[in-house]
Amino acid sequence: MMKFCQHCGTELNNEEANICLNCGCAIQPENTNPTAEYRIGIVVLAALIPLFGLIWWLLKKEERPKEARYCGIAALISFCVTIVFYFIVGFVVGFAAVM
């Protein structure tokens, strides 16, 4: 498998190269996982916008199953909490209108 520079696309002769000889940029390992902050941010975004969480789950469930599952769960919980909140508010407002 040939290795290429992520910045300029130059083919690297040495599979263990740390620096691209063409542009001088550091070579990142190919299997770098996103940082924990990135994963937490995606799950928080899924909780704030349930539709985003559902779409993320559908698109990423094969590629990143654990992260996608957390996004789906966060979206589902957020949606349920929103429905319960609106039901309670509607009940209170309706009850107040009757009195």
PDB file of N, CA and C in Angstrom:
ATOM      1  N   MET A   1       0.844  -1.181   0.000  1.00  0.00           N
ATOM      2  CA  MET A   1       0.000   0.000   0.000  1.00  0.00           C
ATOM      3  C   MET A   1       0.886   1.240   0.000  1.00  0.00           C
ATOM      4  N   MET A   2       0.647   2.105  -0.951  1.00  0.00           N
ATOM      5  CA  MET A   2       1.446   3.318  -1.067  1.00  0.00           C
ATOM      6  C   MET A   2       0.956   4.357  -0.069  1.00  0.00           C
ATOM      7  N   LYS A   3       1.892   5.124   0.463  1.00  0.00           N
ATOM      8  CA  LYS A   3       1.575   6.153   1.422  1.00  0.00           C
ATOM      9  C   LYS A   3       1.776   7.509   0.750  1.00  0.00           C
ATOM     10  N   PHE A   4       0.854   8.453   1.018  1.00  0.00           N
ATOM     11  CA  PHE A   4       0.910   9.775   0.412  1.00  0.00           C
ATOM     12  C   PHE A   4       0.873  10.838   1.505  1.00  0.00           C
ATOM     13  N   CYS A   5       1.423  12.001   1.193  1.00  0.00           N
ATOM     14  CA  CYS A   5       1.384  13.147   2.104  1.00  0.00           C
ATOM     15  C   CYS A   5      -0.048  13.670   2.167  1.00  0.00           C
ATOM     16  N   GLN A   6      -0.545  13.932   3.378  1.00  0.00           N
ATOM     17  CA  GLN A   6      -1.912  14.428   3.545  1.00  0.00           C
ATOM     18  C   GLN A   6      -2.055  15.880   3.103  1.00  0.00           C
ATOM     19  N   HIS A   7      -0.922  16.609   3.009  1.00  0.00           N
ATOM     20  CA  HIS A   7      -0.983  18.033   2.676  1.00  0.00           C
ATOM     21  C   HIS A   7      -0.825  18.303   1.187  1.00  0.00           C
ATOM     22  N   CYS A   8       0.167  17.686   0.556  1.00  0.00           N
ATOM     23  CA  CYS A   8       0.424  17.989  -0.860  1.00  0.00           C
ATOM     24  C   CYS A   8       0.125  16.818  -1.788  1.00  0.00           C
ATOM     25  N   GLY A   9      -0.086  15.616  -1.244  1.00  0.00           N
ATOM     26  CA  GLY A   9      -0.435  14.466  -2.061  1.00  0.00           C
ATOM     27  C   GLY A   9       0.743  13.748  -2.695  1.00  0.00           C
ATOM     28  N   THR A  10       1.951  14.139  -2.360  1.00  0.00           N
ATOM     29  CA  THR A  10       3.134  13.503  -2.927  1.00  0.00           C
ATOM     30  C   THR A  10       3.280  12.080  -2.400  1.00  0.00           C
ATOM     31  N   GLU A  11       3.633  11.164  -3.298  1.00  0.00           N
ATOM     32  CA  GLU A  11       3.853   9.787  -2.889  1.00  0.00           C
ATOM     33  C   GLU A  11       5.133   9.712  -2.062  1.00  0.00           C
ATOM     34  N   LEU A  12       5.061   9.032  -0.939  1.00  0.00           N
ATOM     35  CA  LEU A  12       6.218   8.906  -0.056  1.00  0.00           C
ATOM     36  C   LEU A  12       6.944   7.611  -0.365  1.00  0.00           C
ATOM     37  N   ASN A  13       8.243   7.695  -0.561  1.00  0.00           N
ATOM     38  CA  ASN A  13       9.050   6.517  -0.885  1.00  0.00           C
ATOM     39  C   ASN A  13       9.226   5.609   0.318  1.00  0.00           C
ATOM     40  N   ASN A  14       9.378   6.199   1.466  1.00  0.00           N
ATOM     41  CA  ASN A  14       9.610   5.446   2.690  1.00  0.00           C
ATOM     42  C   ASN A  14       8.298   5.337   3.464  1.00  0.00           C
ATOM     43  N   GLU A  15       7.843   4.127   3.747  1.00  0.00           N
ATOM     44  CA  GLU A  15       6.590   3.914   4.468  1.00  0.00           C
ATOM     45  C   GLU A  15       6.648   4.462   5.899  1.00  0.00           C
ATOM     46  N   GLU A  16       7.831   4.599   6.452  1.00  0.00           N
ATOM     47  CA  GLU A  16       7.984   5.064   7.823  1.00  0.00           C
ATOM     48  C   GLU A  16       8.393   6.529   7.885  1.00  0.00           C
ATOM     49  N   ALA A  17       8.217   7.277   6.802  1.00  0.00           N
ATOM     50  CA  ALA A  17       8.618   8.686   6.761  1.00  0.00           C
ATOM     51  C   ALA A  17       7.802   9.503   7.757  1.00  0.00           C
ATOM     52  N   ASN A  18       8.467  10.424   8.435  1.00  0.00           N
ATOM     53  CA  ASN A  18       7.813  11.306   9.393  1.00  0.00           C
ATOM     54  C   ASN A  18       7.579  12.693   8.815  1.00  0.00           C
ATOM     55  N   ILE A  19       8.359  13.043   7.763  1.00  0.00           N
ATOM     56  CA  ILE A  19       8.269  14.360   7.142  1.00  0.00           C
ATOM     57  C   ILE A  19       8.239  14.182   5.638  1.00  0.00           C
ATOM     58  N   CYS A  20       7.361  14.958   4.973  1.00  0.00           N
ATOM     59  CA  CYS A  20       7.284  14.927   3.515  1.00  0.00           C
ATOM     60  C   CYS A  20       8.481  15.691   2.948  1.00  0.00           C
ATOM     61  N   LEU A  21       9.200  15.069   2.017  1.00  0.00           N
ATOM     62  CA  LEU A  21      10.364  15.729   1.426  1.00  0.00           C
ATOM     63  C   LEU A  21       9.955  16.821   0.445  1.00  0.00           C
ATOM     64  N   ASN A  22       8.718  16.803  -0.035  1.00  0.00           N
ATOM     65  CA  ASN A  22       8.268  17.806  -0.993  1.00  0.00           C
ATOM     66  C   ASN A  22       7.826  19.097  -0.302  1.00  0.00           C
ATOM     67  N   CYS A  23       6.961  18.993   0.696  1.00  0.00           N
ATOM     68  CA  CYS A  23       6.426  20.209   1.341  1.00  0.00           C
ATOM     69  C   CYS A  23       6.962  20.444   2.749  1.00  0.00           C
ATOM     70  N   GLY A  24       7.581  19.436   3.345  1.00  0.00           N
ATOM     71  CA  GLY A  24       8.169  19.592   4.676  1.00  0.00           C
ATOM     72  C   GLY A  24       7.186  19.418   5.826  1.00  0.00           C
ATOM     73  N   CYS A  25       5.953  19.057   5.538  1.00  0.00           N
ATOM     74  CA  CYS A  25       4.945  18.876   6.597  1.00  0.00           C
ATOM     75  C   CYS A  25       5.129  17.527   7.281  1.00  0.00           C
ATOM     76  N   ALA A  26       4.740  17.501   8.540  1.00  0.00           N
ATOM     77  CA  ALA A  26       4.799  16.253   9.302  1.00  0.00           C
ATOM     78  C   ALA A  26       3.757  15.285   8.769  1.00  0.00           C
ATOM     79  N   ILE A  27       4.098  14.006   8.724  1.00  0.00           N
ATOM     80  CA  ILE A  27       3.198  12.964   8.251  1.00  0.00           C
ATOM     81  C   ILE A  27       2.446  12.402   9.447  1.00  0.00           C
ATOM     82  N   GLN A  28       1.111  12.428   9.369  1.00  0.00           N
ATOM     83  CA  GLN A  28       0.267  11.904  10.429  1.00  0.00           C
ATOM     84  C   GLN A  28       0.012  10.425  10.182  1.00  0.00           C
ATOM     85  N   PRO A  29      -0.109   9.640  11.227  1.00  0.00           N
ATOM     86  CA  PRO A  29      -0.505   8.243  11.036  1.00  0.00           C
ATOM     87  C   PRO A  29      -1.882   8.184  10.388  1.00  0.00           C
ATOM     88  N   GLU A  30      -2.123   7.191   9.541  1.00  0.00           N
ATOM     89  CA  GLU A  30      -3.375   7.113   8.797  1.00  0.00           C
ATOM     90  C   GLU A  30      -4.572   6.754   9.664  1.00  0.00           C
ATOM     91  N   ASN A  31      -4.378   5.997  10.708  1.00  0.00           N
ATOM     92  CA  ASN A  31      -5.493   5.538  11.538  1.00  0.00           C
ATOM     93  C   ASN A  31      -5.672   6.403  12.779  1.00  0.00           C
ATOM     94  N   THR A  32      -5.607   7.695  12.600  1.00  0.00           N
ATOM     95  CA  THR A  32      -5.788   8.579  13.743  1.00  0.00           C
ATOM     96  C   THR A  32      -7.260   8.692  14.072  1.00  0.00           C
ATOM     97  N   ASN A  33      -7.605   8.443  15.306  1.00  0.00           N
ATOM     98  CA  ASN A  33      -8.983   8.579  15.753  1.00  0.00           C
ATOM     99  C   ASN A  33      -9.236  10.021  16.146  1.00  0.00           C
ATOM    100  N   PRO A  34     -10.488  10.477  16.025  1.00  0.00           N
ATOM    101  CA  PRO A  34     -10.786  11.832  16.474  1.00  0.00           C
ATOM    102  C   PRO A  34     -10.582  11.934  17.977  1.00  0.00           C
ATOM    103  N   THR A  35     -10.282  13.132  18.432  1.00  0.00           N
ATOM    104  CA  THR A  35     -10.036  13.316  19.856  1.00  0.00           C
ATOM    105  C   THR A  35     -11.329  13.145  20.630  1.00  0.00           C
ATOM    106  N   ALA A  36     -11.192  12.964  21.920  1.00  0.00           N
ATOM    107  CA  ALA A  36     -12.362  12.783  22.778  1.00  0.00           C
ATOM    108  C   ALA A  36     -13.257  14.021  22.741  1.00  0.00           C
ATOM    109  N   GLU A  37     -12.655  15.213  22.633  1.00  0.00           N
ATOM    110  CA  GLU A  37     -13.444  16.435  22.590  1.00  0.00           C
ATOM    111  C   GLU A  37     -14.334  16.459  21.347  1.00  0.00           C
ATOM    112  N   TYR A  38     -13.806  15.976  20.246  1.00  0.00           N
ATOM    113  CA  TYR A  38     -14.583  15.931  19.007  1.00  0.00           C
ATOM    114  C   TYR A  38     -15.775  14.993  19.167  1.00  0.00           C
ATOM    115  N   ARG A  39     -15.545  13.832  19.728  1.00  0.00           N
ATOM    116  CA  ARG A  39     -16.630  12.861  19.917  1.00  0.00           C
ATOM    117  C   ARG A  39     -17.683  13.395  20.872  1.00  0.00           C
ATOM    118  N   ILE A  40     -17.259  14.021  21.952  1.00  0.00           N
ATOM    119  CA  ILE A  40     -18.203  14.583  22.911  1.00  0.00           C
ATOM    120  C   ILE A  40     -18.992  15.711  22.263  1.00  0.00           C
ATOM    121  N   GLY A  41     -18.333  16.523  21.450  1.00  0.00           N
ATOM    122  CA  GLY A  41     -19.014  17.615  20.762  1.00  0.00           C
ATOM    123  C   GLY A  41     -20.099  17.115  19.827  1.00  0.00           C
ATOM    124  N   ILE A  42     -19.817  16.035  19.109  1.00  0.00           N
ATOM    125  CA  ILE A  42     -20.812  15.469  18.194  1.00  0.00           C
ATOM    126  C   ILE A  42     -22.022  14.960  18.978  1.00  0.00           C
ATOM    127  N   VAL A  43     -21.798  14.305  20.099  1.00  0.00           N
ATOM    128  CA  VAL A  43     -22.905  13.774  20.903  1.00  0.00           C
ATOM    129  C   VAL A  43     -23.720  14.917  21.510  1.00  0.00           C
ATOM    130  N   VAL A  44     -23.046  15.981  21.979  1.00  0.00           N
ATOM    131  CA  VAL A  44     -23.771  17.138  22.522  1.00  0.00           C
ATOM    132  C   VAL A  44     -24.609  17.794  21.426  1.00  0.00           C
ATOM    133  N   LEU A  45     -24.037  17.926  20.233  1.00  0.00           N
ATOM    134  CA  LEU A  45     -24.782  18.494  19.108  1.00  0.00           C
ATOM    135  C   LEU A  45     -26.000  17.622  18.780  1.00  0.00           C
ATOM    136  N   ALA A  46     -25.836  16.316  18.857  1.00  0.00           N
ATOM    137  CA  ALA A  46     -26.957  15.405  18.603  1.00  0.00           C
ATOM    138  C   ALA A  46     -28.046  15.569  19.657  1.00  0.00           C
ATOM    139  N   ALA A  47     -27.648  15.865  20.896  1.00  0.00           N
ATOM    140  CA  ALA A  47     -28.641  16.076  21.951  1.00  0.00           C
ATOM    141  C   ALA A  47     -29.369  17.398  21.758  1.00  0.00           C
ATOM    142  N   LEU A  48     -28.666  18.408  21.283  1.00  0.00           N
ATOM    143  CA  LEU A  48     -29.288  19.710  21.064  1.00  0.00           C
ATOM    144  C   LEU A  48     -30.152  19.737  19.810  1.00  0.00           C
ATOM    145  N   ILE A  49     -29.754  19.014  18.788  1.00  0.00           N
ATOM    146  CA  ILE A  49     -30.487  18.969  17.522  1.00  0.00           C
ATOM    147  C   ILE A  49     -30.738  17.490  17.196  1.00  0.00           C
ATOM    148  N   PRO A  50     -31.862  16.944  17.632  1.00  0.00           N
ATOM    149  CA  PRO A  50     -32.122  15.515  17.443  1.00  0.00           C
ATOM    150  C   PRO A  50     -32.074  15.058  15.986  1.00  0.00           C
ATOM    151  N   LEU A  51     -32.499  15.898  15.047  1.00  0.00           N
ATOM    152  CA  LEU A  51     -32.462  15.511  13.640  1.00  0.00           C
ATOM    153  C   LEU A  51     -31.019  15.274  13.191  1.00  0.00           C
ATOM    154  N   PHE A  52     -30.078  16.102  13.671  1.00  0.00           N
ATOM    155  CA  PHE A  52     -28.664  15.905  13.362  1.00  0.00           C
ATOM    156  C   PHE A  52     -28.194  14.547  13.895  1.00  0.00           C
ATOM    157  N   GLY A  53     -28.591  14.218  15.119  1.00  0.00           N
ATOM    158  CA  GLY A  53     -28.192  12.943  15.710  1.00  0.00           C
ATOM    159  C   GLY A  53     -28.705  11.751  14.918  1.00  0.00           C
ATOM    160  N   LEU A  54     -29.925  11.852  14.444  1.00  0.00           N
ATOM    161  CA  LEU A  54     -30.485  10.773  13.635  1.00  0.00           C
ATOM    162  C   LEU A  54     -29.734  10.631  12.313  1.00  0.00           C
ATOM    163  N   ILE A  55     -29.477  11.746  11.663  1.00  0.00           N
ATOM    164  CA  ILE A  55     -28.751  11.713  10.391  1.00  0.00           C
ATOM    165  C   ILE A  55     -27.337  11.193  10.598  1.00  0.00           C
ATOM    166  N   TRP A  56     -26.653  11.649  11.655  1.00  0.00           N
ATOM    167  CA  TRP A  56     -25.285  11.189  11.941  1.00  0.00           C
ATOM    168  C   TRP A  56     -25.273   9.681  12.177  1.00  0.00           C
ATOM    169  N   TRP A  57     -26.257   9.206  12.941  1.00  0.00           N
ATOM    170  CA  TRP A  57     -26.347   7.774  13.208  1.00  0.00           C
ATOM    171  C   TRP A  57     -26.520   6.996  11.907  1.00  0.00           C
ATOM    172  N   LEU A  58     -27.418   7.460  11.044  1.00  0.00           N
ATOM    173  CA  LEU A  58     -27.653   6.764   9.784  1.00  0.00           C
ATOM    174  C   LEU A  58     -26.417   6.752   8.887  1.00  0.00           C
ATOM    175  N   LEU A  59     -25.683   7.854   8.845  1.00  0.00           N
ATOM    176  CA  LEU A  59     -24.521   7.953   7.960  1.00  0.00           C
ATOM    177  C   LEU A  59     -23.275   7.266   8.510  1.00  0.00           C
ATOM    178  N   LYS A  60     -23.086   7.260   9.804  1.00  0.00           N
ATOM    179  CA  LYS A  60     -21.827   6.801  10.389  1.00  0.00           C
ATOM    180  C   LYS A  60     -21.925   5.481  11.144  1.00  0.00           C
ATOM    181  N   LYS A  61     -23.079   4.791  11.105  1.00  0.00           N
ATOM    182  CA  LYS A  61     -23.217   3.578  11.920  1.00  0.00           C
ATOM    183  C   LYS A  61     -22.289   2.452  11.475  1.00  0.00           C
ATOM    184  N   GLU A  62     -21.863   2.430  10.220  1.00  0.00           N
ATOM    185  CA  GLU A  62     -20.925   1.411   9.747  1.00  0.00           C
ATOM    186  C   GLU A  62     -19.475   1.833  10.000  1.00  0.00           C
ATOM    187  N   GLU A  63     -19.192   3.112   9.798  1.00  0.00           N
ATOM    188  CA  GLU A  63     -17.821   3.614   9.900  1.00  0.00           C
ATOM    189  C   GLU A  63     -17.375   3.808  11.347  1.00  0.00           C
ATOM    190  N   ARG A  64     -18.245   4.386  12.163  1.00  0.00           N
ATOM    191  CA  ARG A  64     -17.949   4.664  13.569  1.00  0.00           C
ATOM    192  C   ARG A  64     -19.132   4.220  14.425  1.00  0.00           C
ATOM    193  N   PRO A  65     -19.285   2.926  14.642  1.00  0.00           N
ATOM    194  CA  PRO A  65     -20.506   2.424  15.296  1.00  0.00           C
ATOM    195  C   PRO A  65     -20.719   2.924  16.721  1.00  0.00           C
ATOM    196  N   LYS A  66     -19.664   3.030  17.499  1.00  0.00           N
ATOM    197  CA  LYS A  66     -19.824   3.452  18.889  1.00  0.00           C
ATOM    198  C   LYS A  66     -20.271   4.911  18.962  1.00  0.00           C
ATOM    199  N   GLU A  67     -19.599   5.773  18.232  1.00  0.00           N
ATOM    200  CA  GLU A  67     -19.953   7.191  18.207  1.00  0.00           C
ATOM    201  C   GLU A  67     -21.357   7.393  17.633  1.00  0.00           C
ATOM    202  N   ALA A  68     -21.684   6.663  16.580  1.00  0.00           N
ATOM    203  CA  ALA A  68     -23.005   6.779  15.960  1.00  0.00           C
ATOM    204  C   ALA A  68     -24.099   6.336  16.928  1.00  0.00           C
ATOM    205  N   ARG A  69     -23.830   5.269  17.669  1.00  0.00           N
ATOM    206  CA  ARG A  69     -24.820   4.788  18.637  1.00  0.00           C
ATOM    207  C   ARG A  69     -25.074   5.833  19.716  1.00  0.00           C
ATOM    208  N   TYR A  70     -24.003   6.468  20.226  1.00  0.00           N
ATOM    209  CA  TYR A  70     -24.157   7.504  21.241  1.00  0.00           C
ATOM    210  C   TYR A  70     -24.954   8.690  20.692  1.00  0.00           C
ATOM    211  N   CYS A  71     -24.697   9.059  19.443  1.00  0.00           N
ATOM    212  CA  CYS A  71     -25.436  10.163  18.819  1.00  0.00           C
ATOM    213  C   CYS A  71     -26.909   9.801  18.672  1.00  0.00           C
ATOM    214  N   GLY A  72     -27.190   8.587  18.254  1.00  0.00           N
ATOM    215  CA  GLY A  72     -28.572   8.152  18.121  1.00  0.00           C
ATOM    216  C   GLY A  72     -29.301   8.138  19.447  1.00  0.00           C
ATOM    217  N   ILE A  73     -28.636   7.651  20.481  1.00  0.00           N
ATOM    218  CA  ILE A  73     -29.241   7.612  21.818  1.00  0.00           C
ATOM    219  C   ILE A  73     -29.481   9.024  22.331  1.00  0.00           C
ATOM    220  N   ALA A  74     -28.507   9.909  22.150  1.00  0.00           N
ATOM    221  CA  ALA A  74     -28.661  11.300  22.591  1.00  0.00           C
ATOM    222  C   ALA A  74     -29.813  11.978  21.857  1.00  0.00           C
ATOM    223  N   ALA A  75     -29.935  11.722  20.562  1.00  0.00           N
ATOM    224  CA  ALA A  75     -31.026  12.315  19.784  1.00  0.00           C
ATOM    225  C   ALA A  75     -32.378  11.788  20.255  1.00  0.00           C
ATOM    226  N   LEU A  76     -32.457  10.494  20.522  1.00  0.00           N
ATOM    227  CA  LEU A  76     -33.708   9.889  20.973  1.00  0.00           C
ATOM    228  C   LEU A  76     -34.120  10.432  22.344  1.00  0.00           C
ATOM    229  N   ILE A  77     -33.180  10.512  23.258  1.00  0.00           N
ATOM    230  CA  ILE A  77     -33.470  11.047  24.593  1.00  0.00           C
ATOM    231  C   ILE A  77     -33.905  12.499  24.497  1.00  0.00           C
ATOM    232  N   SER A  78     -33.199  13.287  23.703  1.00  0.00           N
ATOM    233  CA  SER A  78     -33.538  14.699  23.536  1.00  0.00           C
ATOM    234  C   SER A  78     -34.939  14.855  22.953  1.00  0.00           C
ATOM    235  N   PHE A  79     -35.266  14.044  21.958  1.00  0.00           N
ATOM    236  CA  PHE A  79     -36.593  14.106  21.344  1.00  0.00           C
ATOM    237  C   PHE A  79     -37.675  13.760  22.363  1.00  0.00           C
ATOM    238  N   CYS A  80     -37.459  12.710  23.146  1.00  0.00           N
ATOM    239  CA  CYS A  80     -38.441  12.298  24.156  1.00  0.00           C
ATOM    240  C   CYS A  80     -38.618  13.363  25.233  1.00  0.00           C
ATOM    241  N   VAL A  81     -37.523  13.947  25.687  1.00  0.00           N
ATOM    242  CA  VAL A  81     -37.601  15.005  26.696  1.00  0.00           C
ATOM    243  C   VAL A  81     -38.372  16.204  26.145  1.00  0.00           C
ATOM    244  N   THR A  82     -38.140  16.551  24.899  1.00  0.00           N
ATOM    245  CA  THR A  82     -38.851  17.669  24.277  1.00  0.00           C
ATOM    246  C   THR A  82     -40.348  17.392  24.203  1.00  0.00           C
ATOM    247  N   ILE A  83     -40.731  16.187  23.792  1.00  0.00           N
ATOM    248  CA  ILE A  83     -42.150  15.830  23.708  1.00  0.00           C
ATOM    249  C   ILE A  83     -42.802  15.886  25.089  1.00  0.00           C
ATOM    250  N   VAL A  84     -42.142  15.339  26.097  1.00  0.00           N
ATOM    251  CA  VAL A  84     -42.686  15.365  27.459  1.00  0.00           C
ATOM    252  C   VAL A  84     -42.816  16.808  27.944  1.00  0.00           C
ATOM    253  N   PHE A  85     -41.810  17.634  27.668  1.00  0.00           N
ATOM    254  CA  PHE A  85     -41.844  19.039  28.076  1.00  0.00           C
ATOM    255  C   PHE A  85     -43.036  19.753  27.446  1.00  0.00           C
ATOM    256  N   TYR A  86     -43.230  19.584  26.138  1.00  0.00           N
ATOM    257  CA  TYR A  86     -44.350  20.235  25.462  1.00  0.00           C
ATOM    258  C   TYR A  86     -45.697  19.699  25.954  1.00  0.00           C
ATOM    259  N   PHE A  87     -45.766  18.435  26.275  1.00  0.00           N
ATOM    260  CA  PHE A  87     -46.998  17.871  26.822  1.00  0.00           C
ATOM    261  C   PHE A  87     -47.323  18.505  28.170  1.00  0.00           C
ATOM    262  N   ILE A  88     -46.318  18.627  29.039  1.00  0.00           N
ATOM    263  CA  ILE A  88     -46.521  19.225  30.361  1.00  0.00           C
ATOM    264  C   ILE A  88     -46.901  20.693  30.234  1.00  0.00           C
ATOM    265  N   VAL A  89     -46.194  21.431  29.387  1.00  0.00           N
ATOM    266  CA  VAL A  89     -46.507  22.846  29.200  1.00  0.00           C
ATOM    267  C   VAL A  89     -47.915  23.000  28.630  1.00  0.00           C
ATOM    268  N   GLY A  90     -48.277  22.176  27.656  1.00  0.00           N
ATOM    269  CA  GLY A  90     -49.630  22.242  27.099  1.00  0.00           C
ATOM    270  C   GLY A  90     -50.696  21.916  28.119  1.00  0.00           C
ATOM    271  N   PHE A  91     -50.417  20.941  28.986  1.00  0.00           N
ATOM    272  CA  PHE A  91     -51.376  20.574  30.017  1.00  0.00           C
ATOM    273  C   PHE A  91     -51.546  21.711  31.019  1.00  0.00           C
ATOM    274  N   VAL A  92     -50.443  22.316  31.439  1.00  0.00           N
ATOM    275  CA  VAL A  92     -50.497  23.408  32.420  1.00  0.00           C
ATOM    276  C   VAL A  92     -51.209  24.618  31.820  1.00  0.00           C
ATOM    277  N   VAL A  93     -50.881  24.963  30.574  1.00  0.00           N
ATOM    278  CA  VAL A  93     -51.515  26.112  29.934  1.00  0.00           C
ATOM    279  C   VAL A  93     -53.005  25.835  29.719  1.00  0.00           C
ATOM    280  N   GLY A  94     -53.343  24.631  29.302  1.00  0.00           N
ATOM    281  CA  GLY A  94     -54.753  24.272  29.110  1.00  0.00           C
ATOM    282  C   GLY A  94     -55.517  24.274  30.414  1.00  0.00           C
ATOM    283  N   PHE A  95     -54.906  23.787  31.471  1.00  0.00           N
ATOM    284  CA  PHE A  95     -55.543  23.777  32.788  1.00  0.00           C
ATOM    285  C   PHE A  95     -55.739  25.189  33.296  1.00  0.00           C
ATOM    286  N   ALA A  96     -54.749  26.068  33.075  1.00  0.00           N
ATOM    287  CA  ALA A  96     -54.841  27.455  33.516  1.00  0.00           C
ATOM    288  C   ALA A  96     -55.930  28.192  32.734  1.00  0.00           C
ATOM    289  N   ALA A  97     -56.129  27.839  31.459  1.00  0.00           N
ATOM    290  CA  ALA A  97     -57.153  28.493  30.655  1.00  0.00           C
ATOM    291  C   ALA A  97     -58.554  28.107  31.121  1.00  0.00           C
ATOM    292  N   VAL A  98     -58.709  26.900  31.644  1.00  0.00           N
ATOM    293  CA  VAL A  98     -60.006  26.438  32.131  1.00  0.00           C
ATOM    294  C   VAL A  98     -60.360  27.146  33.425  1.00  0.00           C
ATOM    295  N   MET A  99     -59.403  27.423  34.251  1.00  0.00           N
ATOM    296  CA  MET A  99     -59.654  28.057  35.546  1.00  0.00           C
ATOM    297  C   MET A  99     -59.930  29.482  35.309  1.00  0.00           C
TER     298      MET A  99
END
